[in-house]
Amino acid sequence: MNKSNAYCVIMAGGAGLRLWPVSRTSCPKQFLDIFGLDHKTLLRHSYERFAEFIAPENIVVVTSSRFADLVRKQIPELLPENLLLEPYTRNTAPCITWATYTILSRNPEANIIFSPSDNYIKDQEAFKDMIVRSLDFVEGADVLVTLGVVPNRPDSNFGYIQVVGGQNSYSVGTPVKVKTFTEKPDRVLAKIFVDSGEFLWNSGMFAAHANALKAELETYNPEVTALFKGWQKAIGTPAEKAFVERAYTDCPSTSFDYSLLERTEIAWIMPCDFNWIDIGNWASVYDYARVKDENGNVNIGSTVLSKDCSGNLYVGAPSKLLAVKGLDNFIVVDTDDALLICPKDDRSVKELLSSLAMPEYEKWR
């Protein structure tokens, strides 16, 4: 890996609503220490993970302008010019476009790894190896390579990517062409995918040479890139803030995966096995938790009196007793001003939390 050409973009603008009521619009999950183990937030973990092998001056964080102080507090060593503050939330395509143009303005030979800020990685050495391999693979090439995790169970919380070549046609660490994308199938279909040996989990991380990515963005997302016309003169100057605000004002809210990655003809996937988990919802927090009692209950920070209960997740403060009886496969999350009691499956949580958008619940979002 050419270290001077290796860049990382950490995307940290998400709302994290599926981890409500711990994650709030004022302080989403990426700025929290979800597991309460090491006093480091998900964002801090992401930064340190990449800083082991990417030069700090080449690490860029993109987030909402309202989270600027949170990022500066949690990553005080981040260069000011490497904090890109989005004026409005517009999903990942505009975020990736702005970051790509920013890095191109600094280094036209850059190879970039993009990553969400809410991944948890247990095997750092394997992770580093896969990222370096991916950056080497895209060096000077017209390819986009997404990092796919070898699944160890059917899970409907993740997107799935099918590889070209049929059953067991991939091996860890060797890129292979992408055939299809499927976003969060139901559990039955997820089991079919895993049993087939043709599918990997979509980690949300991908790598590309900056110029190759620019070309694909301008081909598949012209409604976004057209709004950044003139970026060469604006980025890195005092005019950049006003330029970006104008661009974002008219930007559609567009997912990079949906608008580009699922349509491009140059998509590859790097099969990986570095013990990854996406902290996207309470079910994934339960799955990741290292300590479960004899009945499969997980307790994070709470004082719990539990009788005839199994498979539950308890989250709260030690100063308050959670007394629970006869509950199976539920989430019980207690904060100062809100209490969540809900079946553990993600669909139930999403159905319940969709009501938070109603005006009468604004103070609790």
Protein backbone atom coordinates (compact mmCIF):
# COMPACT_ATOMS: atom_id res chain seq x y z
CA MET A 1 0.00 0.00 0.00
CA ASN A 2 1.29 3.43 -0.99
CA LYS A 3 0.72 5.22 2.29
CA SER A 4 0.88 8.72 0.81
CA ASN A 5 -1.97 7.84 -1.57
CA ALA A 6 -4.11 5.96 0.98
CA TYR A 7 -7.07 7.92 2.32
CA CYS A 8 -9.97 7.08 4.60
CA VAL A 9 -13.40 8.70 4.79
CA ILE A 10 -15.43 7.98 7.93
CA MET A 11 -19.14 8.71 7.45
CA ALA A 12 -20.66 9.82 10.76
CA GLY A 13 -23.84 11.68 9.91
CA GLY A 14 -26.49 9.04 10.64
CA ALA A 15 -29.39 9.56 13.04
CA GLY A 16 -29.16 6.13 14.73
CA LEU A 17 -32.87 6.07 15.54
CA ARG A 18 -33.06 2.28 15.87
CA LEU A 19 -31.00 2.54 19.08
CA TRP A 20 -33.51 4.90 20.67
CA PRO A 21 -33.89 5.91 23.49
CA VAL A 22 -30.13 5.81 24.16
CA SER A 23 -29.35 7.23 20.71
CA ARG A 24 -31.06 10.60 20.17
CA THR A 25 -31.10 13.14 17.35
CA SER A 26 -28.87 15.39 19.46
CA CYS A 27 -26.33 12.61 20.10
CA PRO A 28 -26.68 9.57 17.81
CA LYS A 29 -25.14 6.17 18.36
CA GLN A 30 -21.80 6.88 16.66
CA PHE A 31 -20.99 9.35 19.45
CA LEU A 32 -21.80 6.87 22.23
CA ASP A 33 -20.00 4.10 24.09
CA ILE A 34 -22.76 1.60 23.40
CA PHE A 35 -21.34 -1.27 25.44
CA GLY A 36 -19.88 0.74 28.30
CA LEU A 37 -16.68 -1.30 28.22
CA ASP A 38 -13.77 1.00 27.39
CA HIS A 39 -15.15 4.56 27.45
CA LYS A 40 -14.61 4.91 23.70
CA THR A 41 -17.39 5.78 21.31
CA LEU A 42 -18.05 4.00 18.04
CA LEU A 43 -16.62 7.00 16.19
CA ARG A 44 -13.46 6.97 18.28
CA HIS A 45 -13.02 3.27 17.66
CA SER A 46 -13.42 3.84 13.92
CA TYR A 47 -10.81 6.59 13.89
CA GLU A 48 -8.26 4.62 15.90
CA ARG A 49 -8.84 1.51 13.79
CA PHE A 50 -7.82 3.33 10.61
CA ALA A 51 -5.16 5.53 12.21
CA GLU A 52 -3.07 2.42 12.82
CA PHE A 53 -2.20 2.26 9.12
CA ILE A 54 -3.64 5.37 7.40
CA ALA A 55 -1.74 8.64 7.90
CA PRO A 56 -3.79 10.87 10.24
CA GLU A 57 -3.61 13.75 7.76
CA ASN A 58 -5.37 11.47 5.24
CA ILE A 59 -8.35 10.62 7.46
CA VAL A 60 -11.49 12.63 6.71
CA VAL A 61 -14.71 12.62 8.74
CA VAL A 62 -18.02 13.65 7.17
CA THR A 63 -20.89 14.48 9.50
CA SER A 64 -23.78 16.85 10.02
CA SER A 65 -22.88 20.41 11.00
CA ARG A 66 -24.86 19.98 14.23
CA PHE A 67 -22.42 17.28 15.35
CA ALA A 68 -19.27 19.35 14.77
CA ASP A 69 -18.49 19.81 18.46
CA LEU A 70 -19.04 16.11 19.21
CA VAL A 71 -16.51 15.11 16.53
CA ARG A 72 -13.95 17.69 17.65
CA LYS A 73 -14.28 16.52 21.26
CA GLN A 74 -13.97 12.83 20.41
CA ILE A 75 -11.21 13.19 17.79
CA PRO A 76 -9.28 16.29 18.94
CA GLU A 77 -6.32 15.39 16.71
CA LEU A 78 -8.43 15.50 13.53
CA LEU A 79 -7.18 18.26 11.23
CA PRO A 80 -9.77 21.06 10.93
CA GLU A 81 -9.76 20.83 7.14
CA ASN A 82 -10.52 17.10 7.41
CA LEU A 83 -13.88 17.64 9.08
CA LEU A 84 -16.54 18.03 6.39
CA LEU A 85 -19.77 19.39 7.85
CA GLU A 86 -22.93 18.71 5.87
CA PRO A 87 -25.47 21.54 6.15
CA TYR A 88 -28.39 19.15 5.59
CA THR A 89 -28.92 15.40 5.84
CA ARG A 90 -29.02 13.97 2.31
CA ASN A 91 -28.04 10.29 2.69
CA THR A 92 -24.73 8.86 1.47
CA ALA A 93 -24.45 9.80 -2.22
CA PRO A 94 -23.91 13.55 -1.63
CA CYS A 95 -21.62 12.82 1.30
CA ILE A 96 -19.42 10.52 -0.80
CA THR A 97 -19.45 12.97 -3.72
CA TRP A 98 -18.21 15.87 -1.60
CA ALA A 99 -15.55 13.75 0.09
CA THR A 100 -14.33 12.40 -3.26
CA TYR A 101 -13.98 15.87 -4.78
CA THR A 102 -12.24 17.10 -1.62
CA ILE A 103 -9.63 14.34 -1.72
CA LEU A 104 -9.18 14.71 -5.49
CA SER A 105 -8.39 18.39 -4.97
CA ARG A 106 -5.53 17.32 -2.69
CA ASN A 107 -4.27 14.18 -4.40
CA PRO A 108 -5.49 13.02 -7.84
CA GLU A 109 -3.79 9.65 -7.26
CA ALA A 110 -5.63 8.92 -4.03
CA ASN A 111 -7.04 5.50 -3.21
CA ILE A 112 -9.91 5.87 -0.76
CA ILE A 113 -11.56 3.55 1.72
CA PHE A 114 -15.03 4.71 2.83
CA SER A 115 -16.46 3.40 6.09
CA PRO A 116 -19.53 3.96 8.28
CA SER A 117 -18.71 5.05 11.82
CA ASP A 118 -20.79 2.38 13.56
CA ASN A 119 -18.90 -0.82 12.71
CA TYR A 120 -17.38 -2.94 15.46
CA ILE A 121 -14.36 -5.06 14.53
CA LYS A 122 -12.91 -7.70 16.83
CA ASP A 123 -9.92 -8.80 14.72
CA GLN A 124 -7.92 -5.65 13.96
CA GLU A 125 -5.04 -7.43 12.20
CA ALA A 126 -7.36 -9.23 9.79
CA PHE A 127 -9.24 -5.96 9.25
CA LYS A 128 -6.04 -4.09 8.42
CA ASP A 129 -4.98 -6.84 6.01
CA MET A 130 -8.30 -6.69 4.13
CA ILE A 131 -8.27 -2.89 3.88
CA VAL A 132 -4.69 -2.86 2.59
CA ARG A 133 -5.53 -5.56 0.03
CA SER A 134 -8.55 -3.56 -1.10
CA LEU A 135 -6.55 -0.36 -1.48
CA ASP A 136 -3.88 -2.24 -3.44
CA PHE A 137 -6.55 -3.75 -5.68
CA VAL A 138 -8.05 -0.38 -6.65
CA GLU A 139 -4.67 1.31 -7.22
CA GLY A 140 -4.89 2.87 -10.66
CA ALA A 141 -7.80 0.60 -11.63
CA ASP A 142 -11.34 1.25 -12.87
CA VAL A 143 -12.96 -0.82 -10.13
CA LEU A 144 -15.02 -0.27 -7.00
CA VAL A 145 -14.46 -2.93 -4.37
CA THR A 146 -16.87 -3.32 -1.48
CA LEU A 147 -15.88 -5.29 1.61
CA GLY A 148 -18.13 -8.30 2.05
CA VAL A 149 -18.21 -10.26 5.29
CA VAL A 150 -18.48 -14.05 5.17
CA PRO A 151 -21.83 -14.75 6.92
CA ASN A 152 -21.97 -17.15 9.84
CA ARG A 153 -25.77 -17.20 10.20
CA PRO A 154 -28.92 -16.07 8.40
CA ASP A 155 -29.52 -12.48 9.48
CA SER A 156 -32.19 -10.20 8.06
CA ASN A 157 -30.55 -7.09 9.50
CA PHE A 158 -27.87 -6.96 6.78
CA GLY A 159 -27.73 -6.46 3.04
CA TYR A 160 -26.46 -9.40 0.96
CA ILE A 161 -24.18 -9.38 -2.09
CA GLN A 162 -24.08 -12.31 -4.48
CA VAL A 163 -20.77 -13.14 -6.17
CA VAL A 164 -20.20 -14.26 -9.72
CA GLY A 165 -19.29 -17.92 -10.12
CA GLY A 166 -21.82 -19.85 -8.11
CA GLN A 167 -21.52 -21.82 -4.90
CA ASN A 168 -18.38 -21.27 -2.82
CA SER A 169 -16.69 -19.45 -5.71
CA TYR A 170 -14.93 -16.98 -3.43
CA SER A 171 -12.08 -17.18 -0.95
CA VAL A 172 -11.20 -14.73 1.80
CA GLY A 173 -8.83 -12.01 0.63
CA THR A 174 -9.33 -12.48 -3.11
CA PRO A 175 -11.63 -10.01 -4.91
CA VAL A 176 -14.43 -11.40 -7.07
CA LYS A 177 -16.99 -9.75 -9.34
CA VAL A 178 -20.36 -8.77 -7.90
CA LYS A 179 -23.50 -10.33 -9.37
CA THR A 180 -26.45 -8.95 -7.36
CA PHE A 181 -27.37 -6.88 -4.29
CA THR A 182 -30.29 -7.60 -1.95
CA GLU A 183 -31.15 -5.15 0.82
CA LYS A 184 -32.17 -6.81 4.12
CA PRO A 185 -34.13 -9.89 3.00
CA ASP A 186 -36.51 -11.65 5.36
CA ARG A 187 -35.10 -14.47 7.48
CA VAL A 188 -36.29 -17.23 5.13
CA LEU A 189 -34.55 -15.67 2.14
CA ALA A 190 -31.48 -14.86 4.24
CA LYS A 191 -31.17 -18.56 5.10
CA ILE A 192 -31.40 -19.50 1.43
CA PHE A 193 -28.66 -16.99 0.66
CA VAL A 194 -26.32 -18.27 3.38
CA ASP A 195 -26.96 -21.93 2.52
CA SER A 196 -26.21 -21.26 -1.15
CA GLY A 197 -22.60 -20.24 -0.44
CA GLU A 198 -22.87 -17.43 -3.01
CA PHE A 199 -23.60 -14.46 -0.75
CA LEU A 200 -21.68 -12.15 1.58
CA TRP A 201 -22.90 -9.52 4.02
CA ASN A 202 -22.58 -5.94 2.84
CA SER A 203 -20.38 -4.21 5.43
CA GLY A 204 -21.03 -0.72 4.05
CA MET A 205 -17.29 -0.25 3.46
CA PHE A 206 -15.84 0.14 -0.02
CA ALA A 207 -12.62 1.26 -1.71
CA ALA A 208 -11.92 3.00 -5.00
CA HIS A 209 -9.34 5.06 -6.83
CA ALA A 210 -10.55 8.65 -6.62
CA ASN A 211 -10.69 9.20 -10.38
CA ALA A 212 -12.55 5.94 -11.02
CA LEU A 213 -15.07 6.84 -8.33
CA LYS A 214 -15.48 10.34 -9.76
CA ALA A 215 -16.29 8.90 -13.19
CA GLU A 216 -18.89 6.50 -11.78
CA LEU A 217 -20.49 9.21 -9.63
CA GLU A 218 -20.83 11.48 -12.63
CA THR A 219 -22.28 8.64 -14.73
CA TYR A 220 -24.82 7.29 -12.24
CA ASN A 221 -25.49 10.28 -9.97
CA PRO A 222 -25.54 13.26 -12.37
CA GLU A 223 -28.40 14.84 -10.40
CA VAL A 224 -25.97 15.10 -7.46
CA THR A 225 -22.63 15.77 -9.18
CA ALA A 226 -24.13 18.52 -11.37
CA LEU A 227 -24.79 20.49 -8.19
CA PHE A 228 -21.06 20.37 -7.39
CA LYS A 229 -20.04 21.84 -10.75
CA GLY A 230 -17.14 24.21 -10.15
CA TRP A 231 -15.83 22.26 -7.17
CA GLN A 232 -12.26 22.63 -8.42
CA LYS A 233 -12.33 26.37 -7.67
CA ALA A 234 -14.42 26.26 -4.51
CA ILE A 235 -13.12 23.37 -2.41
CA GLY A 236 -10.34 24.35 -0.05
CA THR A 237 -11.14 28.07 -0.31
CA PRO A 238 -13.19 30.48 1.83
CA ALA A 239 -15.99 30.05 -0.71
CA GLU A 240 -16.40 26.33 0.05
CA LYS A 241 -18.97 26.63 2.84
CA ALA A 242 -21.41 28.69 0.77
CA PHE A 243 -20.74 26.49 -2.29
CA VAL A 244 -21.56 23.29 -0.39
CA GLU A 245 -24.65 24.80 1.22
CA ARG A 246 -26.03 25.72 -2.21
CA ALA A 247 -25.28 22.23 -3.53
CA TYR A 248 -26.90 20.48 -0.56
CA THR A 249 -29.98 22.70 -0.69
CA ASP A 250 -31.03 21.12 -4.00
CA CYS A 251 -29.47 17.68 -3.47
CA PRO A 252 -31.84 14.71 -3.49
CA SER A 253 -31.62 12.35 -0.53
CA THR A 254 -29.93 9.48 -2.32
CA SER A 255 -28.22 6.31 -1.12
CA PHE A 256 -24.85 5.55 -2.71
CA ASP A 257 -25.55 1.82 -2.66
CA TYR A 258 -28.91 2.14 -4.38
CA SER A 259 -28.04 4.85 -6.90
CA LEU A 260 -24.55 3.70 -7.92
CA LEU A 261 -23.11 0.56 -6.37
CA GLU A 262 -26.06 -1.61 -7.40
CA ARG A 263 -25.94 -0.25 -10.98
CA THR A 264 -22.26 0.09 -11.83
CA GLU A 265 -20.56 -2.52 -14.02
CA ILE A 266 -17.23 -2.28 -12.20
CA ALA A 267 -18.31 -3.53 -8.77
CA TRP A 268 -16.11 -6.13 -7.09
CA ILE A 269 -16.21 -7.54 -3.61
CA MET A 270 -13.42 -8.46 -1.19
CA PRO A 271 -14.51 -11.46 0.93
CA CYS A 272 -13.50 -10.77 4.52
CA ASP A 273 -13.51 -12.56 7.84
CA PHE A 274 -12.53 -10.11 10.57
CA ASN A 275 -15.35 -10.66 13.07
CA TRP A 276 -17.47 -7.70 12.08
CA ILE A 277 -20.74 -6.41 13.42
CA ASP A 278 -22.82 -3.46 12.35
CA ILE A 279 -24.23 -1.80 15.46
CA GLY A 280 -27.41 -0.88 13.62
CA ASN A 281 -30.09 -1.89 16.11
CA TRP A 282 -30.69 -3.39 19.54
CA ALA A 283 -30.72 -6.93 18.12
CA SER A 284 -27.15 -6.46 16.90
CA VAL A 285 -26.12 -5.09 20.30
CA TYR A 286 -27.56 -8.24 21.87
CA ASP A 287 -25.73 -10.46 19.35
CA TYR A 288 -22.41 -8.72 19.93
CA ALA A 289 -22.56 -8.64 23.73
CA ARG A 290 -19.85 -10.86 25.15
CA VAL A 291 -21.56 -11.76 28.44
CA LYS A 292 -24.90 -13.54 28.59
CA ASP A 293 -26.34 -15.21 31.67
CA GLU A 294 -27.43 -18.86 31.85
CA ASN A 295 -30.77 -17.93 30.25
CA GLY A 296 -29.25 -15.91 27.42
CA ASN A 297 -30.08 -12.50 28.93
CA VAL A 298 -27.73 -9.57 28.32
CA ASN A 299 -27.35 -6.76 30.85
CA ILE A 300 -25.61 -3.51 29.92
CA GLY A 301 -25.17 -1.13 32.84
CA SER A 302 -28.35 -2.09 34.69
CA THR A 303 -29.19 -3.49 38.08
CA VAL A 304 -31.62 -6.28 37.19
CA LEU A 305 -33.93 -8.61 39.11
CA SER A 306 -34.93 -11.13 36.45
CA LYS A 307 -37.19 -14.14 37.00
CA ASP A 308 -38.33 -16.68 34.39
CA CYS A 309 -36.84 -14.59 31.59
CA SER A 310 -34.70 -15.57 28.60
CA GLY A 311 -33.08 -13.96 25.57
CA ASN A 312 -33.67 -10.41 26.79
CA LEU A 313 -31.52 -7.29 26.49
CA TYR A 314 -31.51 -4.95 29.49
CA VAL A 315 -29.97 -1.48 29.20
CA GLY A 316 -30.14 1.08 31.99
CA ALA A 317 -28.35 2.73 34.89
CA PRO A 318 -27.13 0.86 37.99
CA SER A 319 -28.94 3.36 40.23
CA LYS A 320 -32.36 2.07 39.11
CA LEU A 321 -33.58 -1.50 39.58
CA LEU A 322 -35.15 -3.21 36.58
CA ALA A 323 -37.48 -5.93 37.92
CA VAL A 324 -38.64 -8.22 35.10
CA LYS A 325 -40.59 -11.50 35.19
CA GLY A 326 -41.88 -13.84 32.49
CA LEU A 327 -40.42 -11.98 29.53
CA ASP A 328 -38.66 -13.70 26.62
CA ASN A 329 -36.74 -12.19 23.68
CA PHE A 330 -37.53 -8.60 24.56
CA ILE A 331 -35.60 -5.32 24.76
CA VAL A 332 -35.88 -3.28 27.95
CA VAL A 333 -34.02 0.03 27.64
CA ASP A 334 -34.40 2.60 30.41
CA THR A 335 -33.14 6.21 30.34
CA ASP A 336 -33.90 9.29 32.44
CA ASP A 337 -36.85 10.33 30.30
CA ALA A 338 -37.89 7.29 28.24
CA LEU A 339 -38.48 3.56 28.59
CA LEU A 340 -38.52 1.12 25.67
CA ILE A 341 -40.10 -2.34 26.08
CA CYS A 342 -40.41 -4.15 22.79
CA PRO A 343 -39.86 -7.55 21.13
CA LYS A 344 -36.22 -7.90 20.15
CA ASP A 345 -36.70 -8.29 16.40
CA ASP A 346 -35.81 -5.22 14.38
CA ARG A 347 -39.11 -4.98 12.54
CA SER A 348 -41.05 -4.61 15.77
CA VAL A 349 -38.70 -1.88 16.95
CA LYS A 350 -38.96 -0.03 13.63
CA GLU A 351 -42.76 -0.20 13.68
CA LEU A 352 -42.86 1.22 17.20
CA LEU A 353 -40.26 3.92 16.66
CA SER A 354 -41.85 5.14 13.43
CA SER A 355 -44.37 6.91 15.64
CA LEU A 356 -41.58 9.09 17.08
CA ALA A 357 -41.90 11.24 13.95
CA MET A 358 -45.25 12.52 15.24
CA PRO A 359 -45.05 16.12 16.52
CA GLU A 360 -46.21 15.23 20.03
CA TYR A 361 -43.10 13.09 20.58
CA GLU A 362 -40.54 15.62 19.36
CA LYS A 363 -39.07 16.30 22.82
CA TRP A 364 -38.13 12.61 23.17
CA ARG A 365 -36.47 12.07 19.78
